[in-house]
Amino acid sequence: MANGTIRVYSGLMDMLDDGELRFVIGHEMGHVMKNHIRKKIRLAYAASAVRKGIASQNNIAGDVARHCWRFGRIPHERTVSQLEERKLMIMGWDS
């Protein structure tokens, strides 16, 4: 979460043993420590502003921005590299 909290659904807690749960929580703590959610939110706001700015233009670029749903969703894609994810997995194992 943006405020640094980590939420674990009861269904996940029911599925995992204590060691697996510690791993998941340690991994998510790594995301909090690296401020990944804040970076993702910043990217989402920036992309939204750019898309709205382009969409306000009365030309082909504006048409594309208004009608291309994926353009506004790019920040919701992976914002953490695979290397960074591996580092976070190690943090999860060490917890």
PDB file of N, CA and C in Angstrom:
ATOM      1  N   MET A   1       0.839  -1.181   0.000  1.00  0.00           N
ATOM      2  CA  MET A   1       0.000   0.000   0.000  1.00  0.00           C
ATOM      3  C   MET A   1       0.889   1.252   0.000  1.00  0.00           C
ATOM      4  N   ALA A   2       0.335   2.341  -0.435  1.00  0.00           N
ATOM      5  CA  ALA A   2       1.114   3.577  -0.532  1.00  0.00           C
ATOM      6  C   ALA A   2       1.603   4.071   0.826  1.00  0.00           C
ATOM      7  N   ASN A   3       0.904   3.712   1.891  1.00  0.00           N
ATOM      8  CA  ASN A   3       1.312   4.169   3.224  1.00  0.00           C
ATOM      9  C   ASN A   3       2.300   3.226   3.895  1.00  0.00           C
ATOM     10  N   GLY A   4       2.771   2.209   3.168  1.00  0.00           N
ATOM     11  CA  GLY A   4       3.770   1.299   3.706  1.00  0.00           C
ATOM     12  C   GLY A   4       3.213   0.073   4.396  1.00  0.00           C
ATOM     13  N   THR A   5       1.892  -0.065   4.434  1.00  0.00           N
ATOM     14  CA  THR A   5       1.328  -1.254   5.063  1.00  0.00           C
ATOM     15  C   THR A   5       1.338  -2.418   4.074  1.00  0.00           C
ATOM     16  N   ILE A   6       1.368  -3.611   4.622  1.00  0.00           N
ATOM     17  CA  ILE A   6       1.299  -4.831   3.821  1.00  0.00           C
ATOM     18  C   ILE A   6       0.073  -5.590   4.272  1.00  0.00           C
ATOM     19  N   ARG A   7      -0.759  -5.969   3.322  1.00  0.00           N
ATOM     20  CA  ARG A   7      -1.973  -6.703   3.658  1.00  0.00           C
ATOM     21  C   ARG A   7      -1.868  -8.109   3.096  1.00  0.00           C
ATOM     22  N   VAL A   8      -2.248  -9.055   3.902  1.00  0.00           N
ATOM     23  CA  VAL A   8      -2.228 -10.457   3.489  1.00  0.00           C
ATOM     24  C   VAL A   8      -3.649 -10.996   3.632  1.00  0.00           C
ATOM     25  N   TYR A   9      -4.180 -11.517   2.548  1.00  0.00           N
ATOM     26  CA  TYR A   9      -5.531 -12.067   2.571  1.00  0.00           C
ATOM     27  C   TYR A   9      -5.571 -13.366   3.378  1.00  0.00           C
ATOM     28  N   SER A  10      -6.670 -13.576   4.064  1.00  0.00           N
ATOM     29  CA  SER A  10      -6.803 -14.767   4.899  1.00  0.00           C
ATOM     30  C   SER A  10      -6.700 -16.045   4.068  1.00  0.00           C
ATOM     31  N   GLY A  11      -7.170 -16.011   2.824  1.00  0.00           N
ATOM     32  CA  GLY A  11      -7.064 -17.182   1.960  1.00  0.00           C
ATOM     33  C   GLY A  11      -5.622 -17.572   1.708  1.00  0.00           C
ATOM     34  N   LEU A  12      -4.761 -16.575   1.525  1.00  0.00           N
ATOM     35  CA  LEU A  12      -3.336 -16.846   1.329  1.00  0.00           C
ATOM     36  C   LEU A  12      -2.734 -17.414   2.609  1.00  0.00           C
ATOM     37  N   MET A  13      -3.134 -16.856   3.735  1.00  0.00           N
ATOM     38  CA  MET A  13      -2.622 -17.350   5.016  1.00  0.00           C
ATOM     39  C   MET A  13      -3.031 -18.804   5.241  1.00  0.00           C
ATOM     40  N   ASP A  14      -4.234 -19.164   4.783  1.00  0.00           N
ATOM     41  CA  ASP A  14      -4.699 -20.544   4.922  1.00  0.00           C
ATOM     42  C   ASP A  14      -3.918 -21.498   4.021  1.00  0.00           C
ATOM     43  N   MET A  15      -3.468 -20.997   2.872  1.00  0.00           N
ATOM     44  CA  MET A  15      -2.787 -21.847   1.893  1.00  0.00           C
ATOM     45  C   MET A  15      -1.317 -22.095   2.225  1.00  0.00           C
ATOM     46  N   LEU A  16      -0.662 -21.147   2.902  1.00  0.00           N
ATOM     47  CA  LEU A  16       0.781 -21.208   3.106  1.00  0.00           C
ATOM     48  C   LEU A  16       1.135 -21.683   4.502  1.00  0.00           C
ATOM     49  N   ASP A  17       2.304 -22.332   4.609  1.00  0.00           N
ATOM     50  CA  ASP A  17       2.795 -22.639   5.951  1.00  0.00           C
ATOM     51  C   ASP A  17       3.542 -21.409   6.480  1.00  0.00           C
ATOM     52  N   ASP A  18       3.993 -21.446   7.707  1.00  0.00           N
ATOM     53  CA  ASP A  18       4.616 -20.271   8.326  1.00  0.00           C
ATOM     54  C   ASP A  18       5.849 -19.788   7.567  1.00  0.00           C
ATOM     55  N   GLY A  19       6.679 -20.722   7.088  1.00  0.00           N
ATOM     56  CA  GLY A  19       7.883 -20.340   6.354  1.00  0.00           C
ATOM     57  C   GLY A  19       7.556 -19.652   5.047  1.00  0.00           C
ATOM     58  N   GLU A  20       6.571 -20.183   4.324  1.00  0.00           N
ATOM     59  CA  GLU A  20       6.157 -19.577   3.053  1.00  0.00           C
ATOM     60  C   GLU A  20       5.566 -18.193   3.293  1.00  0.00           C
ATOM     61  N   LEU A  21       4.783 -18.067   4.346  1.00  0.00           N
ATOM     62  CA  LEU A  21       4.177 -16.777   4.673  1.00  0.00           C
ATOM     63  C   LEU A  21       5.248 -15.750   5.040  1.00  0.00           C
ATOM     64  N   ARG A  22       6.257 -16.175   5.793  1.00  0.00           N
ATOM     65  CA  ARG A  22       7.378 -15.268   6.115  1.00  0.00           C
ATOM     66  C   ARG A  22       8.078 -14.819   4.841  1.00  0.00           C
ATOM     67  N   PHE A  23       8.249 -15.731   3.899  1.00  0.00           N
ATOM     68  CA  PHE A  23       8.885 -15.385   2.633  1.00  0.00           C
ATOM     69  C   PHE A  23       8.079 -14.316   1.899  1.00  0.00           C
ATOM     70  N   VAL A  24       6.774 -14.533   1.775  1.00  0.00           N
ATOM     71  CA  VAL A  24       5.913 -13.576   1.057  1.00  0.00           C
ATOM     72  C   VAL A  24       5.961 -12.209   1.735  1.00  0.00           C
ATOM     73  N   ILE A  25       5.845 -12.183   3.046  1.00  0.00           N
ATOM     74  CA  ILE A  25       5.854 -10.908   3.772  1.00  0.00           C
ATOM     75  C   ILE A  25       7.227 -10.244   3.644  1.00  0.00           C
ATOM     76  N   GLY A  26       8.307 -11.014   3.736  1.00  0.00           N
ATOM     77  CA  GLY A  26       9.648 -10.448   3.548  1.00  0.00           C
ATOM     78  C   GLY A  26       9.820  -9.858   2.163  1.00  0.00           C
ATOM     79  N   HIS A  27       9.299 -10.555   1.155  1.00  0.00           N
ATOM     80  CA  HIS A  27       9.372 -10.056  -0.225  1.00  0.00           C
ATOM     81  C   HIS A  27       8.616  -8.732  -0.354  1.00  0.00           C
ATOM     82  N   GLU A  28       7.405  -8.685   0.184  1.00  0.00           N
ATOM     83  CA  GLU A  28       6.607  -7.453   0.115  1.00  0.00           C
ATOM     84  C   GLU A  28       7.248  -6.326   0.920  1.00  0.00           C
ATOM     85  N   MET A  29       7.901  -6.665   2.032  1.00  0.00           N
ATOM     86  CA  MET A  29       8.628  -5.640   2.801  1.00  0.00           C
ATOM     87  C   MET A  29       9.733  -5.022   1.941  1.00  0.00           C
ATOM     88  N   GLY A  30      10.345  -5.835   1.104  1.00  0.00           N
ATOM     89  CA  GLY A  30      11.359  -5.310   0.188  1.00  0.00           C
ATOM     90  C   GLY A  30      10.782  -4.270  -0.754  1.00  0.00           C
ATOM     91  N   HIS A  31       9.566  -4.516  -1.263  1.00  0.00           N
ATOM     92  CA  HIS A  31       8.908  -3.522  -2.121  1.00  0.00           C
ATOM     93  C   HIS A  31       8.688  -2.219  -1.357  1.00  0.00           C
ATOM     94  N   VAL A  32       8.267  -2.319  -0.096  1.00  0.00           N
ATOM     95  CA  VAL A  32       8.042  -1.124   0.725  1.00  0.00           C
ATOM     96  C   VAL A  32       9.359  -0.383   0.936  1.00  0.00           C
ATOM     97  N   MET A  33      10.410  -1.134   1.298  1.00  0.00           N
ATOM     98  CA  MET A  33      11.712  -0.507   1.569  1.00  0.00           C
ATOM     99  C   MET A  33      12.270   0.204   0.333  1.00  0.00           C
ATOM    100  N   LYS A  34      11.967  -0.328  -0.857  1.00  0.00           N
ATOM    101  CA  LYS A  34      12.483   0.259  -2.104  1.00  0.00           C
ATOM    102  C   LYS A  34      11.538   1.308  -2.690  1.00  0.00           C
ATOM    103  N   ASN A  35      10.434   1.601  -2.007  1.00  0.00           N
ATOM    104  CA  ASN A  35       9.465   2.614  -2.453  1.00  0.00           C
ATOM    105  C   ASN A  35       8.878   2.318  -3.831  1.00  0.00           C
ATOM    106  N   HIS A  36       8.689   1.052  -4.167  1.00  0.00           N
ATOM    107  CA  HIS A  36       8.173   0.702  -5.484  1.00  0.00           C
ATOM    108  C   HIS A  36       6.770   1.236  -5.728  1.00  0.00           C
ATOM    109  N   ILE A  37       5.896   1.197  -4.729  1.00  0.00           N
ATOM    110  CA  ILE A  37       4.527   1.664  -4.942  1.00  0.00           C
ATOM    111  C   ILE A  37       4.499   3.165  -5.195  1.00  0.00           C
ATOM    112  N   ARG A  38       5.340   3.912  -4.505  1.00  0.00           N
ATOM    113  CA  ARG A  38       5.386   5.366  -4.738  1.00  0.00           C
ATOM    114  C   ARG A  38       5.843   5.665  -6.154  1.00  0.00           C
ATOM    115  N   LYS A  39       6.839   4.919  -6.632  1.00  0.00           N
ATOM    116  CA  LYS A  39       7.318   5.107  -8.001  1.00  0.00           C
ATOM    117  C   LYS A  39       6.206   4.784  -8.996  1.00  0.00           C
ATOM    118  N   LYS A  40       5.457   3.725  -8.727  1.00  0.00           N
ATOM    119  CA  LYS A  40       4.377   3.317  -9.621  1.00  0.00           C
ATOM    120  C   LYS A  40       3.277   4.384  -9.667  1.00  0.00           C
ATOM    121  N   ILE A  41       2.954   4.948  -8.510  1.00  0.00           N
ATOM    122  CA  ILE A  41       1.923   5.992  -8.463  1.00  0.00           C
ATOM    123  C   ILE A  41       2.381   7.228  -9.227  1.00  0.00           C
ATOM    124  N   ARG A  42       3.643   7.617  -9.032  1.00  0.00           N
ATOM    125  CA  ARG A  42       4.174   8.773  -9.772  1.00  0.00           C
ATOM    126  C   ARG A  42       4.098   8.548 -11.275  1.00  0.00           C
ATOM    127  N   LEU A  43       4.491   7.359 -11.709  1.00  0.00           N
ATOM    128  CA  LEU A  43       4.426   7.041 -13.137  1.00  0.00           C
ATOM    129  C   LEU A  43       2.995   7.090 -13.655  1.00  0.00           C
ATOM    130  N   ALA A  44       2.060   6.590 -12.875  1.00  0.00           N
ATOM    131  CA  ALA A  44       0.658   6.589 -13.289  1.00  0.00           C
ATOM    132  C   ALA A  44       0.139   8.017 -13.458  1.00  0.00           C
ATOM    133  N   TYR A  45       0.439   8.890 -12.515  1.00  0.00           N
ATOM    134  CA  TYR A  45       0.001  10.286 -12.624  1.00  0.00           C
ATOM    135  C   TYR A  45       0.666  10.983 -13.819  1.00  0.00           C
ATOM    136  N   ALA A  46       1.948  10.745 -14.009  1.00  0.00           N
ATOM    137  CA  ALA A  46       2.656  11.370 -15.126  1.00  0.00           C
ATOM    138  C   ALA A  46       2.089  10.898 -16.458  1.00  0.00           C
ATOM    139  N   ALA A  47       1.869   9.602 -16.595  1.00  0.00           N
ATOM    140  CA  ALA A  47       1.324   9.065 -17.839  1.00  0.00           C
ATOM    141  C   ALA A  47      -0.079   9.590 -18.095  1.00  0.00           C
ATOM    142  N   SER A  48      -0.868   9.699 -17.046  1.00  0.00           N
ATOM    143  CA  SER A  48      -2.223  10.220 -17.185  1.00  0.00           C
ATOM    144  C   SER A  48      -2.194  11.672 -17.656  1.00  0.00           C
ATOM    145  N   ALA A  49      -1.306  12.465 -17.092  1.00  0.00           N
ATOM    146  CA  ALA A  49      -1.197  13.873 -17.493  1.00  0.00           C
ATOM    147  C   ALA A  49      -0.766  13.992 -18.951  1.00  0.00           C
ATOM    148  N   VAL A  50       0.205  13.184 -19.347  1.00  0.00           N
ATOM    149  CA  VAL A  50       0.667  13.220 -20.744  1.00  0.00           C
ATOM    150  C   VAL A  50      -0.454  12.792 -21.679  1.00  0.00           C
ATOM    151  N   ARG A  51      -1.134  11.699 -21.338  1.00  0.00           N
ATOM    152  CA  ARG A  51      -2.228  11.212 -22.185  1.00  0.00           C
ATOM    153  C   ARG A  51      -3.323  12.257 -22.313  1.00  0.00           C
ATOM    154  N   LYS A  52      -3.692  12.900 -21.201  1.00  0.00           N
ATOM    155  CA  LYS A  52      -4.738  13.930 -21.251  1.00  0.00           C
ATOM    156  C   LYS A  52      -4.289  15.128 -22.068  1.00  0.00           C
ATOM    157  N   GLY A  53      -3.010  15.487 -21.934  1.00  0.00           N
ATOM    158  CA  GLY A  53      -2.488  16.607 -22.726  1.00  0.00           C
ATOM    159  C   GLY A  53      -2.533  16.325 -24.215  1.00  0.00           C
ATOM    160  N   ILE A  54      -2.116  15.126 -24.586  1.00  0.00           N
ATOM    161  CA  ILE A  54      -2.153  14.756 -26.009  1.00  0.00           C
ATOM    162  C   ILE A  54      -3.592  14.620 -26.482  1.00  0.00           C
ATOM    163  N   ALA A  55      -4.455  14.024 -25.656  1.00  0.00           N
ATOM    164  CA  ALA A  55      -5.857  13.830 -26.033  1.00  0.00           C
ATOM    165  C   ALA A  55      -6.581  15.150 -26.239  1.00  0.00           C
ATOM    166  N   SER A  56      -6.105  16.216 -25.632  1.00  0.00           N
ATOM    167  CA  SER A  56      -6.756  17.519 -25.783  1.00  0.00           C
ATOM    168  C   SER A  56      -6.462  18.164 -27.139  1.00  0.00           C
ATOM    169  N   GLN A  57      -5.493  17.606 -27.862  1.00  0.00           N
ATOM    170  CA  GLN A  57      -5.136  18.146 -29.171  1.00  0.00           C
ATOM    171  C   GLN A  57      -6.149  17.675 -30.221  1.00  0.00           C
ATOM    172  N   ASN A  58      -6.442  18.548 -31.144  1.00  0.00           N
ATOM    173  CA  ASN A  58      -7.401  18.225 -32.197  1.00  0.00           C
ATOM    174  C   ASN A  58      -6.640  17.788 -33.448  1.00  0.00           C
ATOM    175  N   ASN A  59      -5.971  16.638 -33.332  1.00  0.00           N
ATOM    176  CA  ASN A  59      -5.216  16.101 -34.458  1.00  0.00           C
ATOM    177  C   ASN A  59      -5.152  14.578 -34.339  1.00  0.00           C
ATOM    178  N   ILE A  60      -4.367  13.949 -35.190  1.00  0.00           N
ATOM    179  CA  ILE A  60      -4.277  12.484 -35.178  1.00  0.00           C
ATOM    180  C   ILE A  60      -3.751  11.979 -33.833  1.00  0.00           C
ATOM    181  N   ALA A  61      -2.740  12.646 -33.284  1.00  0.00           N
ATOM    182  CA  ALA A  61      -2.193  12.215 -31.991  1.00  0.00           C
ATOM    183  C   ALA A  61      -3.270  12.273 -30.907  1.00  0.00           C
ATOM    184  N   GLY A  62      -4.084  13.304 -30.930  1.00  0.00           N
ATOM    185  CA  GLY A  62      -5.181  13.419 -29.971  1.00  0.00           C
ATOM    186  C   GLY A  62      -6.191  12.300 -30.134  1.00  0.00           C
ATOM    187  N   ASP A  63      -6.508  11.973 -31.402  1.00  0.00           N
ATOM    188  CA  ASP A  63      -7.433  10.868 -31.662  1.00  0.00           C
ATOM    189  C   ASP A  63      -6.891   9.562 -31.098  1.00  0.00           C
ATOM    190  N   VAL A  64      -5.610   9.309 -31.340  1.00  0.00           N
ATOM    191  CA  VAL A  64      -4.995   8.076 -30.849  1.00  0.00           C
ATOM    192  C   VAL A  64      -5.034   8.036 -29.327  1.00  0.00           C
ATOM    193  N   ALA A  65      -4.675   9.137 -28.684  1.00  0.00           N
ATOM    194  CA  ALA A  65      -4.655   9.180 -27.219  1.00  0.00           C
ATOM    195  C   ALA A  65      -6.052   8.980 -26.635  1.00  0.00           C
ATOM    196  N   ARG A  66      -7.057   9.526 -27.306  1.00  0.00           N
ATOM    197  CA  ARG A  66      -8.429   9.385 -26.804  1.00  0.00           C
ATOM    198  C   ARG A  66      -8.967   7.971 -26.976  1.00  0.00           C
ATOM    199  N   HIS A  67      -8.516   7.282 -27.997  1.00  0.00           N
ATOM    200  CA  HIS A  67      -9.117   5.989 -28.324  1.00  0.00           C
ATOM    201  C   HIS A  67      -8.248   4.781 -27.997  1.00  0.00           C
ATOM    202  N   CYS A  68      -7.026   5.002 -27.626  1.00  0.00           N
ATOM    203  CA  CYS A  68      -6.128   3.892 -27.356  1.00  0.00           C
ATOM    204  C   CYS A  68      -6.090   3.637 -25.858  1.00  0.00           C
ATOM    205  N   TRP A  69      -6.911   2.710 -25.349  1.00  0.00           N
ATOM    206  CA  TRP A  69      -7.028   2.458 -23.914  1.00  0.00           C
ATOM    207  C   TRP A  69      -5.705   2.019 -23.312  1.00  0.00           C
ATOM    208  N   ARG A  70      -4.883   1.310 -24.055  1.00  0.00           N
ATOM    209  CA  ARG A  70      -3.635   0.777 -23.511  1.00  0.00           C
ATOM    210  C   ARG A  70      -2.661   1.892 -23.176  1.00  0.00           C
ATOM    211  N   PHE A  71      -2.714   2.980 -23.881  1.00  0.00           N
ATOM    212  CA  PHE A  71      -1.781   4.083 -23.648  1.00  0.00           C
ATOM    213  C   PHE A  71      -1.851   4.567 -22.205  1.00  0.00           C
ATOM    214  N   GLY A  72      -3.044   4.617 -21.659  1.00  0.00           N
ATOM    215  CA  GLY A  72      -3.213   5.062 -20.276  1.00  0.00           C
ATOM    216  C   GLY A  72      -2.913   3.991 -19.247  1.00  0.00           C
ATOM    217  N   ARG A  73      -2.750   2.759 -19.684  1.00  0.00           N
ATOM    218  CA  ARG A  73      -2.544   1.666 -18.734  1.00  0.00           C
ATOM    219  C   ARG A  73      -1.091   1.249 -18.617  1.00  0.00           C
ATOM    220  N   ILE A  74      -0.210   1.799 -19.391  1.00  0.00           N
ATOM    221  CA  ILE A  74       1.189   1.395 -19.362  1.00  0.00           C
ATOM    222  C   ILE A  74       1.793   1.447 -17.959  1.00  0.00           C
ATOM    223  N   PRO A  75       1.542   2.463 -17.120  1.00  0.00           N
ATOM    224  CA  PRO A  75       2.162   2.470 -15.786  1.00  0.00           C
ATOM    225  C   PRO A  75       1.742   1.306 -14.908  1.00  0.00           C
ATOM    226  N   HIS A  76       0.624   0.665 -15.233  1.00  0.00           N
ATOM    227  CA  HIS A  76       0.181  -0.446 -14.413  1.00  0.00           C
ATOM    228  C   HIS A  76       0.902  -1.741 -14.769  1.00  0.00           C
ATOM    229  N   GLU A  77       1.691  -1.695 -15.817  1.00  0.00           N
ATOM    230  CA  GLU A  77       2.494  -2.842 -16.189  1.00  0.00           C
ATOM    231  C   GLU A  77       3.676  -2.940 -15.231  1.00  0.00           C
ATOM    232  N   ARG A  78       4.549  -3.881 -15.462  1.00  0.00           N
ATOM    233  CA  ARG A  78       5.713  -4.109 -14.604  1.00  0.00           C
ATOM    234  C   ARG A  78       6.549  -2.828 -14.484  1.00  0.00           C
ATOM    235  N   THR A  79       6.766  -2.373 -13.270  1.00  0.00           N
ATOM    236  CA  THR A  79       7.633  -1.214 -13.026  1.00  0.00           C
ATOM    237  C   THR A  79       8.869  -1.619 -12.242  1.00  0.00           C
ATOM    238  N   VAL A  80       8.946  -2.888 -11.885  1.00  0.00           N
ATOM    239  CA  VAL A  80      10.098  -3.398 -11.163  1.00  0.00           C
ATOM    240  C   VAL A  80      10.782  -4.408 -12.078  1.00  0.00           C
ATOM    241  N   SER A  81      12.071  -4.260 -12.278  1.00  0.00           N
ATOM    242  CA  SER A  81      12.787  -5.156 -13.175  1.00  0.00           C
ATOM    243  C   SER A  81      12.861  -6.566 -12.605  1.00  0.00           C
ATOM    244  N   GLN A  82      13.141  -7.525 -13.472  1.00  0.00           N
ATOM    245  CA  GLN A  82      13.277  -8.906 -13.007  1.00  0.00           C
ATOM    246  C   GLN A  82      14.448  -9.030 -12.045  1.00  0.00           C
ATOM    247  N   LEU A  83      15.523  -8.289 -12.291  1.00  0.00           N
ATOM    248  CA  LEU A  83      16.664  -8.310 -11.380  1.00  0.00           C
ATOM    249  C   LEU A  83      16.252  -7.816  -9.997  1.00  0.00           C
ATOM    250  N   GLU A  84      15.484  -6.735  -9.957  1.00  0.00           N
ATOM    251  CA  GLU A  84      15.017  -6.192  -8.681  1.00  0.00           C
ATOM    252  C   GLU A  84      14.108  -7.201  -7.976  1.00  0.00           C
ATOM    253  N   GLU A  85      13.262  -7.889  -8.743  1.00  0.00           N
ATOM    254  CA  GLU A  85      12.396  -8.915  -8.150  1.00  0.00           C
ATOM    255  C   GLU A  85      13.238 -10.026  -7.534  1.00  0.00           C
ATOM    256  N   ARG A  86      14.323 -10.431  -8.206  1.00  0.00           N
ATOM    257  CA  ARG A  86      15.193 -11.476  -7.658  1.00  0.00           C
ATOM    258  C   ARG A  86      15.816 -11.023  -6.340  1.00  0.00           C
ATOM    259  N   LYS A  87      16.249  -9.761  -6.289  1.00  0.00           N
ATOM    260  CA  LYS A  87      16.820  -9.235  -5.049  1.00  0.00           C
ATOM    261  C   LYS A  87      15.786  -9.282  -3.926  1.00  0.00           C
ATOM    262  N   LEU A  88      14.539  -8.940  -4.267  1.00  0.00           N
ATOM    263  CA  LEU A  88      13.472  -8.952  -3.266  1.00  0.00           C
ATOM    264  C   LEU A  88      13.161 -10.379  -2.820  1.00  0.00           C
ATOM    265  N   MET A  89      13.305 -11.346  -3.723  1.00  0.00           N
ATOM    266  CA  MET A  89      13.088 -12.737  -3.342  1.00  0.00           C
ATOM    267  C   MET A  89      14.149 -13.175  -2.332  1.00  0.00           C
ATOM    268  N   ILE A  90      15.396 -12.718  -2.538  1.00  0.00           N
ATOM    269  CA  ILE A  90      16.450 -13.037  -1.582  1.00  0.00           C
ATOM    270  C   ILE A  90      16.123 -12.422  -0.233  1.00  0.00           C
ATOM    271  N   MET A  91      15.601 -11.175  -0.248  1.00  0.00           N
ATOM    272  CA  MET A  91      15.211 -10.535   1.011  1.00  0.00           C
ATOM    273  C   MET A  91      14.121 -11.361   1.697  1.00  0.00           C
ATOM    274  N   GLY A  92      13.210 -11.931   0.888  1.00  0.00           N
ATOM    275  CA  GLY A  92      12.153 -12.763   1.454  1.00  0.00           C
ATOM    276  C   GLY A  92      12.706 -14.009   2.111  1.00  0.00           C
ATOM    277  N   TRP A  93      13.707 -14.629   1.475  1.00  0.00           N
ATOM    278  CA  TRP A  93      14.320 -15.833   2.052  1.00  0.00           C
ATOM    279  C   TRP A  93      15.070 -15.521   3.337  1.00  0.00           C
ATOM    280  N   ASP A  94      15.668 -14.334   3.390  1.00  0.00           N
ATOM    281  CA  ASP A  94      16.468 -13.963   4.557  1.00  0.00           C
ATOM    282  C   ASP A  94      15.619 -13.564   5.764  1.00  0.00           C
ATOM    283  N   SER A  95      14.326 -13.368   5.548  1.00  0.00           N
ATOM    284  CA  SER A  95      13.482 -12.899   6.658  1.00  0.00           C
ATOM    285  C   SER A  95      13.147 -14.027   7.603  1.00  0.00           C
TER     286      SER A  95
END
